[in-house]
Each structure stands twice: as structure tokens, then as C-alpha cells.
Amino acid sequence: MAEHAVERPPYAVTTFGEDEAGNLYLADYNHGDVYELTDPGALTGYVYRVPAVAHIFGAGGTPWRSDLTLVNRSGFSANLTLTYLAMGVELSQSAVLQPGVTLEWRNVLETLFGQPPTADTAGAVKIVADVPLVVTARSYAVGARGTEGGRLPGLTDSDALVPGRVGVVPGLKRNGASYTNVGVVNLGAAPCAVVITVFDRFGSQVGTRTPFAVDADHWAQQYDFLAAAGAGDQDIAYATVEVQTPGGKARAYAAVIDRTSRDPTFVPVAMP
């Protein structure tokens, strides 16, 4: 009898558990990931959310664009659904990524999601795959000297900040050379409320506690956050990030923007 190769599933479930809201989770030993079980007996797959995907004109009319890169090192073909979510916009595309292959969409909102060159939109991209991937996006300003920007990773449930755990975003600045944007991405399946509070270099609160209300899978950003929060100019400050919604899952970051070049330095939230 001829032997046939069997394609084994990429999951190795080692344990499961339930949170206070009754949601079920499974742990995958192979990749160190945790998955929420929404259909009894079926995994939801690998879900990644990429914030700050942009096709906009920012301060001074500077064009901002984003590239999206996926790497498949799983040994299996990856069946993908990619969805762009912004205010009043939801666009989905499907793709297949072969084993060992890297795929990049430059200016992804035009090349993958069909936005026109005149589009003024920014949001998050949700990627659902049946195998694990490496996901990253580069958002950048386009200027006379080329592009300047930075990368943000695709985020999974294991990256989430949850109620009762305070995150810290260091290195916020507002002065003659720089200003800081702050963004929040909702990693959950329900609307999530987050509060961000700014502290000066000596640990004193400055400005007011700033609420963010973010729809499921969506992203929200506050331009020039220190000014919007009433924190004024700060050479060095930090912010705390607190998820208010029971069962909520979110992630935050800062982007310190050079006023001259518009070059952003992305600062991820730390979870001490």
C-alpha cells in the first residue's frame, strides 16, 4: 500500500482555561500563542491586528502611507483574510501565502484595498490566517528626500493590555522640535474603553485623564496628545494606559514626530 504524507495541523494544544467573563482560551505550545475559543471544538485561527495603517495628509500637508509585510515560515500554505477597518470603512481581501514566502504590499491601502490616490483615511488592518505568520507594517511620511518612518508589528491576543494591568508609554515629548501622537488599537471583539494619563519626569500628573472609546478591531489616534490632554510642553514625560471595559483587550503606543522631517519614532507600551 502506498504511503501518503499527512499534513499535520500547526497547533499543539497544551492547556485551556476560562476568564471571569466566561470566555474560553486554548494555549498552543508550538508557537506560544493563546487563542479565544468562540465555536466549541474549533480554533479561531491566528489573528493579527496592525494599527496606524494610513493614506492621509498630515501636518503641513505631508503625505503618510503604509506598507504591509507578511512572512510565512510555518511549513504550510496560509489562507488569509485581510480586512481594513476605519471610520465608516470596512474592506476585505483574501490571499494565499505559500510556505517560506514573504509578501509585501507597498502603499497597501491603494494596492491591496483599492483606495484611490486621493483617499484620506487611516485605520487598522485585521489579518486572519490558518497558520502562524510574522506580520509587520511600516508607516512613513513621504517628502522631497524620500520616505521617513517606522514599523509597527502585527498584534495578537498575547500582546493585549487587560483590565487591572497598567501599561506605561515612556518618552513622550512636546517642544519646539517634536510632538507626540498616541494611538490605541482594540484587540477584542467588543467596543473597549481606555483611559490614558500623563505624568511629567518627576512623576506628577499633568493635564487630564484622556478617554479613548475604540470599536472592536479598530484603531484611534490623538494627534499632538500632550496638547490635547492639557499637559503642555514636556521634554520627557510618560503615560499610563488602563483598560476600563471588563473583558476588554487593547494595546497602545506613542509616535514622537520630528516637526521638521515629520519622521516618527514609534514607542510601544511597556507592561511592567
C-alpha atoms as a PDB file:
ATOM      1  CA  MET A   1       0.000   0.000   0.000  1.00  0.00           C
ATOM      2  CA  ALA A   2       1.395   3.409  -0.948  1.00  0.00           C
ATOM      3  CA  GLU A   3       2.122   5.764   1.908  1.00  0.00           C
ATOM      4  CA  HIS A   4       0.621   9.218   1.809  1.00  0.00           C
ATOM      5  CA  ALA A   5       2.087  12.247   3.535  1.00  0.00           C
ATOM      6  CA  VAL A   6      -0.241  13.628   6.168  1.00  0.00           C
ATOM      7  CA  GLU A   7      -0.331  17.414   6.652  1.00  0.00           C
ATOM      8  CA  ARG A   8      -0.497  17.782  10.393  1.00  0.00           C
ATOM      9  CA  PRO A   9      -2.252  20.766  11.968  1.00  0.00           C
ATOM     10  CA  PRO A  10       0.119  23.502  13.204  1.00  0.00           C
ATOM     11  CA  TYR A  11      -1.482  23.587  16.687  1.00  0.00           C
ATOM     12  CA  ALA A  12      -0.279  21.726  19.783  1.00  0.00           C
ATOM     13  CA  VAL A  13      -2.850  22.427  22.479  1.00  0.00           C
ATOM     14  CA  THR A  14      -1.338  22.054  25.965  1.00  0.00           C
ATOM     15  CA  THR A  15      -3.937  23.614  28.247  1.00  0.00           C
ATOM     16  CA  PHE A  16      -7.163  25.599  28.309  1.00  0.00           C
ATOM     17  CA  GLY A  17      -8.880  27.976  30.697  1.00  0.00           C
ATOM     18  CA  GLU A  18     -11.770  30.333  31.277  1.00  0.00           C
ATOM     19  CA  ASP A  19     -11.719  34.021  32.254  1.00  0.00           C
ATOM     20  CA  GLU A  20     -14.112  35.856  34.576  1.00  0.00           C
ATOM     21  CA  ALA A  21     -16.400  36.713  31.650  1.00  0.00           C
ATOM     22  CA  GLY A  22     -16.783  33.045  30.698  1.00  0.00           C
ATOM     23  CA  ASN A  23     -14.581  33.232  27.566  1.00  0.00           C
ATOM     24  CA  LEU A  24     -12.641  30.038  26.784  1.00  0.00           C
ATOM     25  CA  TYR A  25      -8.958  30.036  25.779  1.00  0.00           C
ATOM     26  CA  LEU A  26      -6.507  27.435  24.455  1.00  0.00           C
ATOM     27  CA  ALA A  27      -2.701  27.550  24.628  1.00  0.00           C
ATOM     28  CA  ASP A  28      -0.612  26.480  21.610  1.00  0.00           C
ATOM     29  CA  TYR A  29       2.740  25.002  22.692  1.00  0.00           C
ATOM     30  CA  ASN A  30       4.270  25.166  19.190  1.00  0.00           C
ATOM     31  CA  HIS A  31       4.202  28.959  18.921  1.00  0.00           C
ATOM     32  CA  GLY A  32       3.495  30.199  22.442  1.00  0.00           C
ATOM     33  CA  ASP A  33       0.168  31.736  21.427  1.00  0.00           C
ATOM     34  CA  VAL A  34      -3.185  31.826  23.218  1.00  0.00           C
ATOM     35  CA  TYR A  35      -6.481  31.626  21.310  1.00  0.00           C
ATOM     36  CA  GLU A  36     -10.018  32.522  22.263  1.00  0.00           C
ATOM     37  CA  LEU A  37     -12.477  29.691  21.589  1.00  0.00           C
ATOM     38  CA  THR A  38     -15.670  31.114  20.096  1.00  0.00           C
ATOM     39  CA  ASP A  39     -17.090  27.966  18.487  1.00  0.00           C
ATOM     40  CA  PRO A  40     -16.908  24.864  20.718  1.00  0.00           C
ATOM     41  CA  GLY A  41     -14.315  22.486  19.287  1.00  0.00           C
ATOM     42  CA  ALA A  42     -12.917  24.955  16.731  1.00  0.00           C
ATOM     43  CA  LEU A  43      -9.988  27.343  16.923  1.00  0.00           C
ATOM     44  CA  THR A  44     -10.470  30.900  15.704  1.00  0.00           C
ATOM     45  CA  GLY A  45      -7.134  30.779  13.883  1.00  0.00           C
ATOM     46  CA  TYR A  46      -4.255  33.201  14.074  1.00  0.00           C
ATOM     47  CA  VAL A  47      -5.450  36.794  14.298  1.00  0.00           C
ATOM     48  CA  TYR A  48      -3.194  39.849  13.891  1.00  0.00           C
ATOM     49  CA  ARG A  49      -4.174  43.495  14.104  1.00  0.00           C
ATOM     50  CA  VAL A  50      -1.951  46.241  12.699  1.00  0.00           C
ATOM     51  CA  PRO A  51      -2.666  49.821  13.852  1.00  0.00           C
ATOM     52  CA  ALA A  52      -1.814  53.111  12.167  1.00  0.00           C
ATOM     53  CA  VAL A  53      -2.244  51.999   8.560  1.00  0.00           C
ATOM     54  CA  ALA A  54      -2.524  55.286   6.731  1.00  0.00           C
ATOM     55  CA  HIS A  55      -3.232  57.008   3.435  1.00  0.00           C
ATOM     56  CA  ILE A  56      -3.602  60.557   4.704  1.00  0.00           C
ATOM     57  CA  PHE A  57      -2.230  64.078   4.507  1.00  0.00           C
ATOM     58  CA  GLY A  58      -0.871  65.068   7.914  1.00  0.00           C
ATOM     59  CA  ALA A  59       0.551  68.249   9.407  1.00  0.00           C
ATOM     60  CA  GLY A  60       1.843  70.630   6.759  1.00  0.00           C
ATOM     61  CA  GLY A  61       0.170  68.553   4.054  1.00  0.00           C
ATOM     62  CA  THR A  62       2.719  65.743   4.446  1.00  0.00           C
ATOM     63  CA  PRO A  63       1.536  62.517   2.737  1.00  0.00           C
ATOM     64  CA  TRP A  64       1.532  59.456   5.027  1.00  0.00           C
ATOM     65  CA  ARG A  65       1.470  55.954   3.562  1.00  0.00           C
ATOM     66  CA  SER A  66       1.840  52.370   4.860  1.00  0.00           C
ATOM     67  CA  ASP A  67       3.391  49.128   3.599  1.00  0.00           C
ATOM     68  CA  LEU A  68       2.303  45.722   4.923  1.00  0.00           C
ATOM     69  CA  THR A  69       4.636  42.691   5.060  1.00  0.00           C
ATOM     70  CA  LEU A  70       3.772  39.049   5.836  1.00  0.00           C
ATOM     71  CA  VAL A  71       6.222  36.153   6.260  1.00  0.00           C
ATOM     72  CA  ASN A  72       5.100  32.504   6.291  1.00  0.00           C
ATOM     73  CA  ARG A  73       7.620  30.205   7.987  1.00  0.00           C
ATOM     74  CA  SER A  74       5.075  27.633   9.151  1.00  0.00           C
ATOM     75  CA  GLY A  75       5.737  24.964   6.519  1.00  0.00           C
ATOM     76  CA  PHE A  76       2.068  25.111   5.447  1.00  0.00           C
ATOM     77  CA  SER A  77       0.155  27.232   2.942  1.00  0.00           C
ATOM     78  CA  ALA A  78      -1.510  30.181   4.662  1.00  0.00           C
ATOM     79  CA  ASN A  79      -5.080  31.075   3.752  1.00  0.00           C
ATOM     80  CA  LEU A  80      -5.596  34.726   4.626  1.00  0.00           C
ATOM     81  CA  THR A  81      -8.417  37.177   5.085  1.00  0.00           C
ATOM     82  CA  LEU A  82      -7.271  40.784   5.361  1.00  0.00           C
ATOM     83  CA  THR A  83      -9.735  43.466   6.453  1.00  0.00           C
ATOM     84  CA  TYR A  84      -9.162  47.210   6.600  1.00  0.00           C
ATOM     85  CA  LEU A  85     -11.270  48.905   9.288  1.00  0.00           C
ATOM     86  CA  ALA A  86     -11.616  52.665   9.652  1.00  0.00           C
ATOM     87  CA  MET A  87     -14.368  55.137  10.434  1.00  0.00           C
ATOM     88  CA  GLY A  88     -17.203  54.127   8.108  1.00  0.00           C
ATOM     89  CA  VAL A  89     -14.944  51.816   6.069  1.00  0.00           C
ATOM     90  CA  GLU A  90     -14.642  48.017   6.049  1.00  0.00           C
ATOM     91  CA  LEU A  91     -12.832  46.401   3.110  1.00  0.00           C
ATOM     92  CA  SER A  92     -11.803  42.734   2.882  1.00  0.00           C
ATOM     93  CA  GLN A  93      -9.480  40.780   0.598  1.00  0.00           C
ATOM     94  CA  SER A  94      -8.368  37.143   0.506  1.00  0.00           C
ATOM     95  CA  ALA A  95      -4.925  35.791  -0.305  1.00  0.00           C
ATOM     96  CA  VAL A  96      -2.817  32.624  -0.128  1.00  0.00           C
ATOM     97  CA  LEU A  97       0.770  32.749   1.089  1.00  0.00           C
ATOM     98  CA  GLN A  98       2.907  29.733   0.251  1.00  0.00           C
ATOM     99  CA  PRO A  99       5.349  28.206   2.783  1.00  0.00           C
ATOM    100  CA  GLY A 100       8.608  30.129   3.145  1.00  0.00           C
ATOM    101  CA  VAL A 101       7.319  33.096   1.133  1.00  0.00           C
ATOM    102  CA  THR A 102       7.375  36.782   2.051  1.00  0.00           C
ATOM    103  CA  LEU A 103       4.673  39.057   0.640  1.00  0.00           C
ATOM    104  CA  GLU A 104       4.731  42.844   0.769  1.00  0.00           C
ATOM    105  CA  TRP A 105       2.056  45.291  -0.310  1.00  0.00           C
ATOM    106  CA  ARG A 106       3.585  48.724  -0.761  1.00  0.00           C
ATOM    107  CA  ASN A 107       1.150  51.564  -0.186  1.00  0.00           C
ATOM    108  CA  VAL A 108      -1.225  48.833   0.954  1.00  0.00           C
ATOM    109  CA  LEU A 109      -4.414  50.887   1.043  1.00  0.00           C
ATOM    110  CA  GLU A 110      -4.104  51.516  -2.694  1.00  0.00           C
ATOM    111  CA  THR A 111      -2.505  48.281  -3.905  1.00  0.00           C
ATOM    112  CA  LEU A 112      -4.495  45.765  -1.836  1.00  0.00           C
ATOM    113  CA  PHE A 113      -7.645  47.569  -0.716  1.00  0.00           C
ATOM    114  CA  GLY A 114      -8.229  49.668  -3.832  1.00  0.00           C
ATOM    115  CA  GLN A 115      -8.294  53.123  -2.280  1.00  0.00           C
ATOM    116  CA  PRO A 116      -7.839  55.954  -4.810  1.00  0.00           C
ATOM    117  CA  PRO A 117      -4.682  58.136  -4.759  1.00  0.00           C
ATOM    118  CA  THR A 118      -6.805  60.970  -3.331  1.00  0.00           C
ATOM    119  CA  ALA A 119      -8.078  58.907  -0.370  1.00  0.00           C
ATOM    120  CA  ASP A 120      -7.739  60.435   3.098  1.00  0.00           C
ATOM    121  CA  THR A 121      -8.154  57.529   5.523  1.00  0.00           C
ATOM    122  CA  ALA A 122      -6.361  55.771   8.396  1.00  0.00           C
ATOM    123  CA  GLY A 123      -7.262  52.743  10.464  1.00  0.00           C
ATOM    124  CA  ALA A 124      -6.263  49.181  11.324  1.00  0.00           C
ATOM    125  CA  VAL A 125      -5.790  46.010   9.286  1.00  0.00           C
ATOM    126  CA  LYS A 126      -7.038  42.712  10.743  1.00  0.00           C
ATOM    127  CA  ILE A 127      -5.403  39.575   9.368  1.00  0.00           C
ATOM    128  CA  VAL A 128      -6.872  36.118   9.997  1.00  0.00           C
ATOM    129  CA  ALA A 129      -4.741  33.125   8.970  1.00  0.00           C
ATOM    130  CA  ASP A 130      -4.904  29.373   9.487  1.00  0.00           C
ATOM    131  CA  VAL A 131      -1.162  29.172  10.260  1.00  0.00           C
ATOM    132  CA  PRO A 132       1.135  31.490  12.246  1.00  0.00           C
ATOM    133  CA  LEU A 133       2.769  34.390  10.406  1.00  0.00           C
ATOM    134  CA  VAL A 134       5.209  37.199  11.009  1.00  0.00           C
ATOM    135  CA  VAL A 135       3.315  40.446  10.395  1.00  0.00           C
ATOM    136  CA  THR A 136       4.640  43.992  10.330  1.00  0.00           C
ATOM    137  CA  ALA A 137       3.707  47.334   8.785  1.00  0.00           C
ATOM    138  CA  ARG A 138       5.750  50.402   8.012  1.00  0.00           C
ATOM    139  CA  SER A 139       4.039  53.803   8.156  1.00  0.00           C
ATOM    140  CA  TYR A 140       6.004  56.718   6.804  1.00  0.00           C
ATOM    141  CA  ALA A 141       5.950  60.315   5.676  1.00  0.00           C
ATOM    142  CA  VAL A 142       6.741  60.996   2.012  1.00  0.00           C
ATOM    143  CA  GLY A 143       8.971  64.024   1.491  1.00  0.00           C
ATOM    144  CA  ALA A 144      11.349  65.577  -1.003  1.00  0.00           C
ATOM    145  CA  ARG A 145      14.215  63.410   0.309  1.00  0.00           C
ATOM    146  CA  GLY A 146      12.230  60.179   0.144  1.00  0.00           C
ATOM    147  CA  THR A 147      10.413  58.450   2.994  1.00  0.00           C
ATOM    148  CA  GLU A 148      10.963  58.526   6.752  1.00  0.00           C
ATOM    149  CA  GLY A 149       9.041  56.322   9.144  1.00  0.00           C
ATOM    150  CA  GLY A 150       8.979  53.308  11.400  1.00  0.00           C
ATOM    151  CA  ARG A 151       7.475  49.871  11.848  1.00  0.00           C
ATOM    152  CA  LEU A 152       4.642  48.553  13.995  1.00  0.00           C
ATOM    153  CA  PRO A 153       4.139  44.795  14.470  1.00  0.00           C
ATOM    154  CA  GLY A 154       1.011  42.787  13.929  1.00  0.00           C
ATOM    155  CA  LEU A 155      -0.523  42.328  17.388  1.00  0.00           C
ATOM    156  CA  THR A 156      -2.104  39.168  18.812  1.00  0.00           C
ATOM    157  CA  ASP A 157      -4.160  38.443  21.929  1.00  0.00           C
ATOM    158  CA  SER A 158      -0.945  37.731  23.831  1.00  0.00           C
ATOM    159  CA  ASP A 159       0.048  41.402  23.340  1.00  0.00           C
ATOM    160  CA  ALA A 160      -3.144  42.720  24.929  1.00  0.00           C
ATOM    161  CA  LEU A 161      -3.371  45.019  27.912  1.00  0.00           C
ATOM    162  CA  VAL A 162      -6.341  43.907  30.035  1.00  0.00           C
ATOM    163  CA  PRO A 163      -8.263  45.402  32.987  1.00  0.00           C
ATOM    164  CA  GLY A 164      -6.231  45.521  36.187  1.00  0.00           C
ATOM    165  CA  ARG A 165      -2.875  45.746  34.430  1.00  0.00           C
ATOM    166  CA  VAL A 166      -1.441  49.223  33.859  1.00  0.00           C
ATOM    167  CA  GLY A 167       0.727  49.831  30.807  1.00  0.00           C
ATOM    168  CA  VAL A 168       3.347  52.578  30.517  1.00  0.00           C
ATOM    169  CA  VAL A 169       4.330  54.510  27.386  1.00  0.00           C
ATOM    170  CA  PRO A 170       7.637  56.329  28.049  1.00  0.00           C
ATOM    171  CA  GLY A 171       9.485  59.042  26.168  1.00  0.00           C
ATOM    172  CA  LEU A 172       6.621  61.389  25.302  1.00  0.00           C
ATOM    173  CA  LYS A 173       7.762  64.848  24.164  1.00  0.00           C
ATOM    174  CA  ARG A 174       6.331  68.185  23.178  1.00  0.00           C
ATOM    175  CA  ASN A 175       8.708  71.058  22.447  1.00  0.00           C
ATOM    176  CA  GLY A 176       9.979  73.159  19.565  1.00  0.00           C
ATOM    177  CA  ALA A 177      11.489  70.120  17.854  1.00  0.00           C
ATOM    178  CA  SER A 178       8.928  67.360  18.480  1.00  0.00           C
ATOM    179  CA  TYR A 179       5.351  66.497  19.314  1.00  0.00           C
ATOM    180  CA  THR A 180       3.718  63.161  20.176  1.00  0.00           C
ATOM    181  CA  ASN A 181       0.721  61.296  18.832  1.00  0.00           C
ATOM    182  CA  VAL A 182      -0.802  58.479  20.908  1.00  0.00           C
ATOM    183  CA  GLY A 183      -2.773  55.600  19.438  1.00  0.00           C
ATOM    184  CA  VAL A 184      -4.905  52.764  20.814  1.00  0.00           C
ATOM    185  CA  VAL A 185      -5.914  49.573  18.986  1.00  0.00           C
ATOM    186  CA  ASN A 186      -8.747  47.346  20.198  1.00  0.00           C
ATOM    187  CA  LEU A 187      -7.662  43.692  20.105  1.00  0.00           C
ATOM    188  CA  GLY A 188     -11.059  42.407  21.207  1.00  0.00           C
ATOM    189  CA  ALA A 189     -14.394  41.546  19.634  1.00  0.00           C
ATOM    190  CA  ALA A 190     -16.397  44.226  21.502  1.00  0.00           C
ATOM    191  CA  PRO A 191     -16.043  48.011  21.995  1.00  0.00           C
ATOM    192  CA  CYS A 192     -13.353  48.910  24.511  1.00  0.00           C
ATOM    193  CA  ALA A 193     -12.810  51.979  26.707  1.00  0.00           C
ATOM    194  CA  VAL A 194      -9.249  53.009  27.609  1.00  0.00           C
ATOM    195  CA  VAL A 195      -8.004  55.879  29.796  1.00  0.00           C
ATOM    196  CA  ILE A 196      -4.558  57.430  29.308  1.00  0.00           C
ATOM    197  CA  THR A 197      -2.934  59.664  31.949  1.00  0.00           C
ATOM    198  CA  VAL A 198       0.222  61.771  31.500  1.00  0.00           C
ATOM    199  CA  PHE A 199       2.934  62.229  34.122  1.00  0.00           C
ATOM    200  CA  ASP A 200       5.938  64.555  33.996  1.00  0.00           C
ATOM    201  CA  ARG A 201       9.523  63.449  34.530  1.00  0.00           C
ATOM    202  CA  PHE A 202       9.101  63.766  38.308  1.00  0.00           C
ATOM    203  CA  GLY A 203       6.025  61.519  38.442  1.00  0.00           C
ATOM    204  CA  SER A 204       3.383  64.238  38.890  1.00  0.00           C
ATOM    205  CA  GLN A 205       0.197  64.011  36.835  1.00  0.00           C
ATOM    206  CA  VAL A 206      -0.125  66.738  34.227  1.00  0.00           C
ATOM    207  CA  GLY A 207      -3.250  67.504  32.239  1.00  0.00           C
ATOM    208  CA  THR A 208      -6.424  65.457  32.413  1.00  0.00           C
ATOM    209  CA  ARG A 209      -7.147  61.749  32.121  1.00  0.00           C
ATOM    210  CA  THR A 210      -7.988  61.178  28.468  1.00  0.00           C
ATOM    211  CA  PRO A 211     -10.588  58.582  27.446  1.00  0.00           C
ATOM    212  CA  PHE A 212     -10.437  56.572  24.231  1.00  0.00           C
ATOM    213  CA  ALA A 213     -13.506  54.628  23.058  1.00  0.00           C
ATOM    214  CA  VAL A 214     -12.494  52.189  20.316  1.00  0.00           C
ATOM    215  CA  ASP A 215     -14.763  49.835  18.365  1.00  0.00           C
ATOM    216  CA  ALA A 216     -13.862  46.153  18.013  1.00  0.00           C
ATOM    217  CA  ASP A 217     -10.795  45.589  15.786  1.00  0.00           C
ATOM    218  CA  HIS A 218     -10.459  49.350  15.245  1.00  0.00           C
ATOM    219  CA  TRP A 219      -7.776  51.937  15.950  1.00  0.00           C
ATOM    220  CA  ALA A 220      -7.929  55.500  17.249  1.00  0.00           C
ATOM    221  CA  GLN A 221      -5.206  58.108  17.478  1.00  0.00           C
ATOM    222  CA  GLN A 222      -4.947  61.519  19.139  1.00  0.00           C
ATOM    223  CA  TYR A 223      -2.762  63.996  17.260  1.00  0.00           C
ATOM    224  CA  ASP A 224      -0.408  66.086  19.462  1.00  0.00           C
ATOM    225  CA  PHE A 225      -1.593  64.192  22.515  1.00  0.00           C
ATOM    226  CA  LEU A 226       0.157  66.249  25.201  1.00  0.00           C
ATOM    227  CA  ALA A 227      -1.514  69.418  23.955  1.00  0.00           C
ATOM    228  CA  ALA A 228      -4.915  67.708  23.667  1.00  0.00           C
ATOM    229  CA  ALA A 229      -4.609  66.347  27.218  1.00  0.00           C
ATOM    230  CA  GLY A 230      -3.682  69.784  28.603  1.00  0.00           C
ATOM    231  CA  ALA A 231      -0.225  68.538  29.647  1.00  0.00           C
ATOM    232  CA  GLY A 232       1.614  71.379  27.895  1.00  0.00           C
ATOM    233  CA  ASP A 233       5.233  71.223  26.754  1.00  0.00           C
ATOM    234  CA  GLN A 234       7.241  68.352  28.220  1.00  0.00           C
ATOM    235  CA  ASP A 235      10.821  67.407  27.369  1.00  0.00           C
ATOM    236  CA  ILE A 236      10.358  63.961  28.916  1.00  0.00           C
ATOM    237  CA  ALA A 237       7.039  62.534  30.075  1.00  0.00           C
ATOM    238  CA  TYR A 238       5.256  59.213  30.239  1.00  0.00           C
ATOM    239  CA  ALA A 239       1.686  57.990  30.115  1.00  0.00           C
ATOM    240  CA  THR A 240      -0.176  55.193  31.836  1.00  0.00           C
ATOM    241  CA  VAL A 241      -2.717  53.146  29.890  1.00  0.00           C
ATOM    242  CA  GLU A 242      -5.675  51.470  31.621  1.00  0.00           C
ATOM    243  CA  VAL A 243      -8.383  49.315  30.030  1.00  0.00           C
ATOM    244  CA  GLN A 244     -11.746  50.158  31.617  1.00  0.00           C
ATOM    245  CA  THR A 245     -14.067  47.659  29.910  1.00  0.00           C
ATOM    246  CA  PRO A 246     -14.489  44.270  31.652  1.00  0.00           C
ATOM    247  CA  GLY A 247     -13.032  41.646  29.350  1.00  0.00           C
ATOM    248  CA  GLY A 248     -11.508  44.368  27.161  1.00  0.00           C
ATOM    249  CA  LYS A 249      -8.228  43.867  25.280  1.00  0.00           C
ATOM    250  CA  ALA A 250      -6.241  46.791  23.902  1.00  0.00           C
ATOM    251  CA  ARG A 251      -2.749  47.966  23.044  1.00  0.00           C
ATOM    252  CA  ALA A 252      -1.291  51.487  22.916  1.00  0.00           C
ATOM    253  CA  TYR A 253       1.764  53.227  21.501  1.00  0.00           C
ATOM    254  CA  ALA A 254       3.208  56.692  21.007  1.00  0.00           C
ATOM    255  CA  ALA A 255       4.708  58.225  17.894  1.00  0.00           C
ATOM    256  CA  VAL A 256       7.184  61.028  18.597  1.00  0.00           C
ATOM    257  CA  ILE A 257       7.185  63.182  15.451  1.00  0.00           C
ATOM    258  CA  ASP A 258      10.060  65.403  14.345  1.00  0.00           C
ATOM    259  CA  ARG A 259       8.485  68.743  13.424  1.00  0.00           C
ATOM    260  CA  THR A 260      10.891  69.356  10.531  1.00  0.00           C
ATOM    261  CA  SER A 261      11.208  65.978   8.812  1.00  0.00           C
ATOM    262  CA  ARG A 262       7.875  64.503  10.088  1.00  0.00           C
ATOM    263  CA  ASP A 263       9.901  61.367  10.891  1.00  0.00           C
ATOM    264  CA  PRO A 264       8.062  59.280  13.548  1.00  0.00           C
ATOM    265  CA  THR A 265       9.742  57.265  16.292  1.00  0.00           C
ATOM    266  CA  PHE A 266       7.270  54.627  17.485  1.00  0.00           C
ATOM    267  CA  VAL A 267       7.245  53.861  21.223  1.00  0.00           C
ATOM    268  CA  PRO A 268       5.334  50.719  22.276  1.00  0.00           C
ATOM    269  CA  VAL A 269       3.538  50.351  25.594  1.00  0.00           C
ATOM    270  CA  ALA A 270       5.508  48.528  28.286  1.00  0.00           C
ATOM    271  CA  MET A 271       3.658  46.256  30.704  1.00  0.00           C
ATOM    272  CA  PRO A 272       5.701  46.165  33.925  1.00  0.00           C
END
